[in-house]
Amino acid sequence: MHAVALGRHPALAVRDDKATITLEFGDGSVETIHYLASGDAVHVLHAFQKKSKSGVATPQPDVDLIEKRMKAVLARRGASGRS
């Protein structure tokens, strides 16, 4: 989170069970961290830097990977009996 130390303010979006922190830089690049808070743990599902200047949407392969990892975390949480 070096960008926060440099005075850049992250944008936070929360949807369903997962949250996203997005940091935008002056050169148009974006760092995104997707995570899931579960019980007493925070699971980082995916983090990447996007340098493309066309569109701000998360690329579909990244979305698929995030969803796959989130399902795995939720399955482990259910199997262990945690809430």
N, C-alpha and C. Protein backbone atom coordinates (compact mmCIF):
# COMPACT_ATOMS: atom_id res chain seq x y z
N MET A 1 0.83 -1.18 0.00
CA MET A 1 0.00 0.00 0.00
C MET A 1 0.87 1.25 0.00
N HIS A 2 1.95 1.16 -0.75
CA HIS A 2 2.88 2.27 -0.89
C HIS A 2 2.17 3.53 -1.38
N ALA A 3 1.16 3.38 -2.22
CA ALA A 3 0.45 4.54 -2.76
C ALA A 3 -0.24 5.34 -1.67
N VAL A 4 -0.76 4.66 -0.67
CA VAL A 4 -1.42 5.37 0.43
C VAL A 4 -0.39 6.22 1.17
N ALA A 5 0.81 5.68 1.34
CA ALA A 5 1.87 6.43 2.00
C ALA A 5 2.26 7.67 1.20
N LEU A 6 2.05 7.64 -0.11
CA LEU A 6 2.36 8.78 -0.96
C LEU A 6 1.21 9.78 -1.04
N GLY A 7 0.15 9.53 -0.28
CA GLY A 7 -0.96 10.48 -0.25
C GLY A 7 -2.09 10.18 -1.21
N ARG A 8 -2.04 9.07 -1.90
CA ARG A 8 -3.13 8.70 -2.79
C ARG A 8 -4.20 8.00 -1.95
N HIS A 9 -5.45 8.30 -2.23
CA HIS A 9 -6.53 7.73 -1.44
C HIS A 9 -7.19 6.59 -2.20
N PRO A 10 -7.28 5.43 -1.57
CA PRO A 10 -7.89 4.28 -2.25
C PRO A 10 -9.41 4.40 -2.31
N ALA A 11 -9.98 3.80 -3.33
CA ALA A 11 -11.43 3.68 -3.43
C ALA A 11 -11.79 2.29 -2.93
N LEU A 12 -12.83 2.20 -2.14
CA LEU A 12 -13.27 0.92 -1.58
C LEU A 12 -14.66 0.62 -2.08
N ALA A 13 -14.84 -0.58 -2.61
CA ALA A 13 -16.16 -1.02 -3.06
C ALA A 13 -16.44 -2.36 -2.39
N VAL A 14 -17.63 -2.50 -1.86
CA VAL A 14 -18.02 -3.75 -1.21
C VAL A 14 -19.25 -4.29 -1.92
N ARG A 15 -19.16 -5.52 -2.40
CA ARG A 15 -20.29 -6.18 -3.06
C ARG A 15 -20.38 -7.60 -2.52
N ASP A 16 -21.55 -7.97 -2.09
CA ASP A 16 -21.78 -9.31 -1.53
C ASP A 16 -20.78 -9.57 -0.42
N ASP A 17 -19.99 -10.63 -0.55
CA ASP A 17 -19.05 -11.01 0.50
C ASP A 17 -17.64 -10.49 0.26
N LYS A 18 -17.40 -9.84 -0.88
CA LYS A 18 -16.03 -9.45 -1.16
C LYS A 18 -15.91 -7.93 -1.28
N ALA A 19 -14.71 -7.47 -1.08
CA ALA A 19 -14.43 -6.04 -1.16
C ALA A 19 -13.26 -5.82 -2.11
N THR A 20 -13.21 -4.63 -2.67
CA THR A 20 -12.16 -4.27 -3.61
C THR A 20 -11.58 -2.93 -3.20
N ILE A 21 -10.27 -2.86 -3.15
CA ILE A 21 -9.57 -1.60 -2.93
C ILE A 21 -8.90 -1.25 -4.26
N THR A 22 -9.13 -0.04 -4.74
CA THR A 22 -8.55 0.39 -6.01
C THR A 22 -7.74 1.66 -5.78
N LEU A 23 -6.53 1.66 -6.30
CA LEU A 23 -5.64 2.82 -6.24
C LEU A 23 -5.37 3.27 -7.66
N GLU A 24 -5.66 4.52 -7.97
CA GLU A 24 -5.41 5.06 -9.30
C GLU A 24 -4.20 5.98 -9.25
N PHE A 25 -3.36 5.88 -10.27
CA PHE A 25 -2.15 6.68 -10.35
C PHE A 25 -2.24 7.68 -11.50
N GLY A 26 -1.44 8.71 -11.44
CA GLY A 26 -1.46 9.77 -12.44
C GLY A 26 -1.15 9.31 -13.85
N ASP A 27 -0.43 8.20 -13.99
CA ASP A 27 -0.09 7.71 -15.32
C ASP A 27 -1.21 6.85 -15.92
N GLY A 28 -2.32 6.74 -15.21
CA GLY A 28 -3.46 5.97 -15.71
C GLY A 28 -3.48 4.53 -15.24
N SER A 29 -2.40 4.08 -14.58
CA SER A 29 -2.40 2.70 -14.11
C SER A 29 -3.25 2.59 -12.85
N VAL A 30 -3.72 1.39 -12.59
CA VAL A 30 -4.60 1.12 -11.46
C VAL A 30 -4.10 -0.14 -10.76
N GLU A 31 -4.00 -0.10 -9.44
CA GLU A 31 -3.71 -1.29 -8.65
C GLU A 31 -5.00 -1.69 -7.96
N THR A 32 -5.34 -2.95 -8.05
CA THR A 32 -6.58 -3.44 -7.46
C THR A 32 -6.29 -4.64 -6.58
N ILE A 33 -6.91 -4.65 -5.41
CA ILE A 33 -6.79 -5.77 -4.49
C ILE A 33 -8.21 -6.23 -4.16
N HIS A 34 -8.49 -7.49 -4.40
CA HIS A 34 -9.79 -8.07 -4.08
C HIS A 34 -9.61 -8.96 -2.85
N TYR A 35 -10.46 -8.77 -1.85
CA TYR A 35 -10.32 -9.59 -0.65
C TYR A 35 -11.67 -9.95 -0.07
N LEU A 36 -11.65 -10.94 0.82
CA LEU A 36 -12.84 -11.45 1.48
C LEU A 36 -12.55 -11.53 2.97
N ALA A 37 -13.34 -10.84 3.77
CA ALA A 37 -13.22 -10.94 5.22
C ALA A 37 -14.11 -12.07 5.68
N SER A 38 -13.54 -13.00 6.42
CA SER A 38 -14.28 -14.19 6.83
C SER A 38 -13.91 -14.52 8.27
N GLY A 39 -14.85 -14.32 9.18
CA GLY A 39 -14.56 -14.61 10.58
C GLY A 39 -13.44 -13.72 11.08
N ASP A 40 -12.36 -14.34 11.55
CA ASP A 40 -11.24 -13.58 12.07
C ASP A 40 -10.09 -13.49 11.07
N ALA A 41 -10.39 -13.74 9.79
CA ALA A 41 -9.33 -13.74 8.76
C ALA A 41 -9.71 -12.83 7.59
N VAL A 42 -8.68 -12.36 6.91
CA VAL A 42 -8.87 -11.62 5.66
C VAL A 42 -8.13 -12.41 4.60
N HIS A 43 -8.84 -12.81 3.55
CA HIS A 43 -8.27 -13.61 2.48
C HIS A 43 -8.08 -12.73 1.25
N VAL A 44 -6.85 -12.55 0.81
CA VAL A 44 -6.60 -11.81 -0.43
C VAL A 44 -6.88 -12.78 -1.58
N LEU A 45 -7.88 -12.42 -2.38
CA LEU A 45 -8.29 -13.30 -3.48
C LEU A 45 -7.46 -13.05 -4.73
N HIS A 46 -7.08 -11.79 -4.95
CA HIS A 46 -6.33 -11.46 -6.16
C HIS A 46 -5.84 -10.02 -6.05
N ALA A 47 -4.69 -9.75 -6.59
CA ALA A 47 -4.16 -8.38 -6.65
C ALA A 47 -3.41 -8.24 -7.97
N PHE A 48 -3.59 -7.11 -8.63
CA PHE A 48 -2.90 -6.91 -9.89
C PHE A 48 -2.82 -5.43 -10.22
N GLN A 49 -1.94 -5.11 -11.15
CA GLN A 49 -1.81 -3.74 -11.65
C GLN A 49 -2.23 -3.74 -13.11
N LYS A 50 -3.13 -2.83 -13.45
CA LYS A 50 -3.62 -2.71 -14.81
C LYS A 50 -3.07 -1.42 -15.40
N LYS A 51 -2.40 -1.52 -16.53
CA LYS A 51 -1.81 -0.35 -17.15
C LYS A 51 -2.58 0.12 -18.37
N SER A 52 -3.55 -0.67 -18.81
CA SER A 52 -4.35 -0.32 -19.98
C SER A 52 -5.13 0.95 -19.71
N LYS A 53 -5.18 1.82 -20.68
CA LYS A 53 -5.92 3.07 -20.53
C LYS A 53 -7.35 2.94 -21.06
N SER A 54 -7.69 1.79 -21.59
CA SER A 54 -9.04 1.61 -22.13
C SER A 54 -9.90 0.83 -21.15
N GLY A 55 -10.84 1.50 -20.56
CA GLY A 55 -11.78 0.85 -19.65
C GLY A 55 -11.21 0.63 -18.27
N VAL A 56 -12.08 0.57 -17.30
CA VAL A 56 -11.65 0.35 -15.92
C VAL A 56 -12.16 -0.98 -15.39
N ALA A 57 -12.91 -1.70 -16.19
CA ALA A 57 -13.47 -2.98 -15.74
C ALA A 57 -12.36 -4.00 -15.54
N THR A 58 -12.56 -4.87 -14.56
CA THR A 58 -11.63 -5.96 -14.33
C THR A 58 -11.75 -6.96 -15.47
N PRO A 59 -10.62 -7.36 -16.08
CA PRO A 59 -10.67 -8.33 -17.18
C PRO A 59 -11.33 -9.64 -16.74
N GLN A 60 -12.08 -10.25 -17.63
CA GLN A 60 -12.84 -11.46 -17.31
C GLN A 60 -11.99 -12.59 -16.75
N PRO A 61 -10.78 -12.86 -17.27
CA PRO A 61 -9.98 -13.93 -16.65
C PRO A 61 -9.67 -13.64 -15.18
N ASP A 62 -9.47 -12.37 -14.83
CA ASP A 62 -9.24 -12.02 -13.44
C ASP A 62 -10.51 -12.21 -12.61
N VAL A 63 -11.65 -11.84 -13.16
CA VAL A 63 -12.93 -12.03 -12.47
C VAL A 63 -13.16 -13.52 -12.20
N ASP A 64 -12.89 -14.35 -13.20
CA ASP A 64 -13.07 -15.80 -13.05
C ASP A 64 -12.17 -16.35 -11.94
N LEU A 65 -10.92 -15.88 -11.90
CA LEU A 65 -9.99 -16.34 -10.88
C LEU A 65 -10.44 -15.89 -9.48
N ILE A 66 -10.90 -14.67 -9.37
CA ILE A 66 -11.40 -14.15 -8.08
C ILE A 66 -12.57 -14.99 -7.59
N GLU A 67 -13.52 -15.26 -8.49
CA GLU A 67 -14.69 -16.06 -8.12
C GLU A 67 -14.29 -17.47 -7.70
N LYS A 68 -13.36 -18.08 -8.42
CA LYS A 68 -12.89 -19.43 -8.09
C LYS A 68 -12.26 -19.45 -6.70
N ARG A 69 -11.42 -18.46 -6.43
CA ARG A 69 -10.76 -18.40 -5.12
C ARG A 69 -11.75 -18.10 -4.01
N MET A 70 -12.75 -17.25 -4.28
CA MET A 70 -13.74 -16.94 -3.26
C MET A 70 -14.55 -18.19 -2.93
N LYS A 71 -14.94 -18.95 -3.92
CA LYS A 71 -15.69 -20.18 -3.68
C LYS A 71 -14.87 -21.17 -2.85
N ALA A 72 -13.57 -21.24 -3.11
CA ALA A 72 -12.70 -22.14 -2.35
C ALA A 72 -12.62 -21.72 -0.89
N VAL A 73 -12.50 -20.41 -0.64
CA VAL A 73 -12.44 -19.91 0.74
C VAL A 73 -13.76 -20.20 1.44
N LEU A 74 -14.86 -19.93 0.78
CA LEU A 74 -16.18 -20.16 1.39
C LEU A 74 -16.42 -21.64 1.65
N ALA A 75 -15.94 -22.50 0.76
CA ALA A 75 -16.09 -23.94 0.96
C ALA A 75 -15.28 -24.40 2.17
N ARG A 76 -14.05 -23.89 2.30
CA ARG A 76 -13.21 -24.25 3.46
C ARG A 76 -13.86 -23.74 4.74
N ARG A 77 -14.40 -22.53 4.68
CA ARG A 77 -15.05 -21.95 5.87
C ARG A 77 -16.25 -22.81 6.28
N GLY A 78 -17.05 -23.24 5.31
CA GLY A 78 -18.21 -24.09 5.60
C GLY A 78 -17.80 -25.44 6.14
N ALA A 79 -16.72 -25.99 5.59
CA ALA A 79 -16.26 -27.32 6.04
C ALA A 79 -15.69 -27.27 7.44
N SER A 80 -15.14 -26.11 7.84
CA SER A 80 -14.55 -26.02 9.17
C SER A 80 -15.56 -25.60 10.23
N GLY A 81 -16.78 -25.21 9.78
CA GLY A 81 -17.81 -24.81 10.72
C GLY A 81 -17.71 -23.38 11.20
N ARG A 82 -16.78 -22.60 10.61
CA ARG A 82 -16.65 -21.18 10.98
C ARG A 82 -17.75 -20.36 10.38
N SER A 83 -17.99 -19.22 10.97
CA SER A 83 -18.99 -18.30 10.41
C SER A 83 -18.34 -17.02 9.98
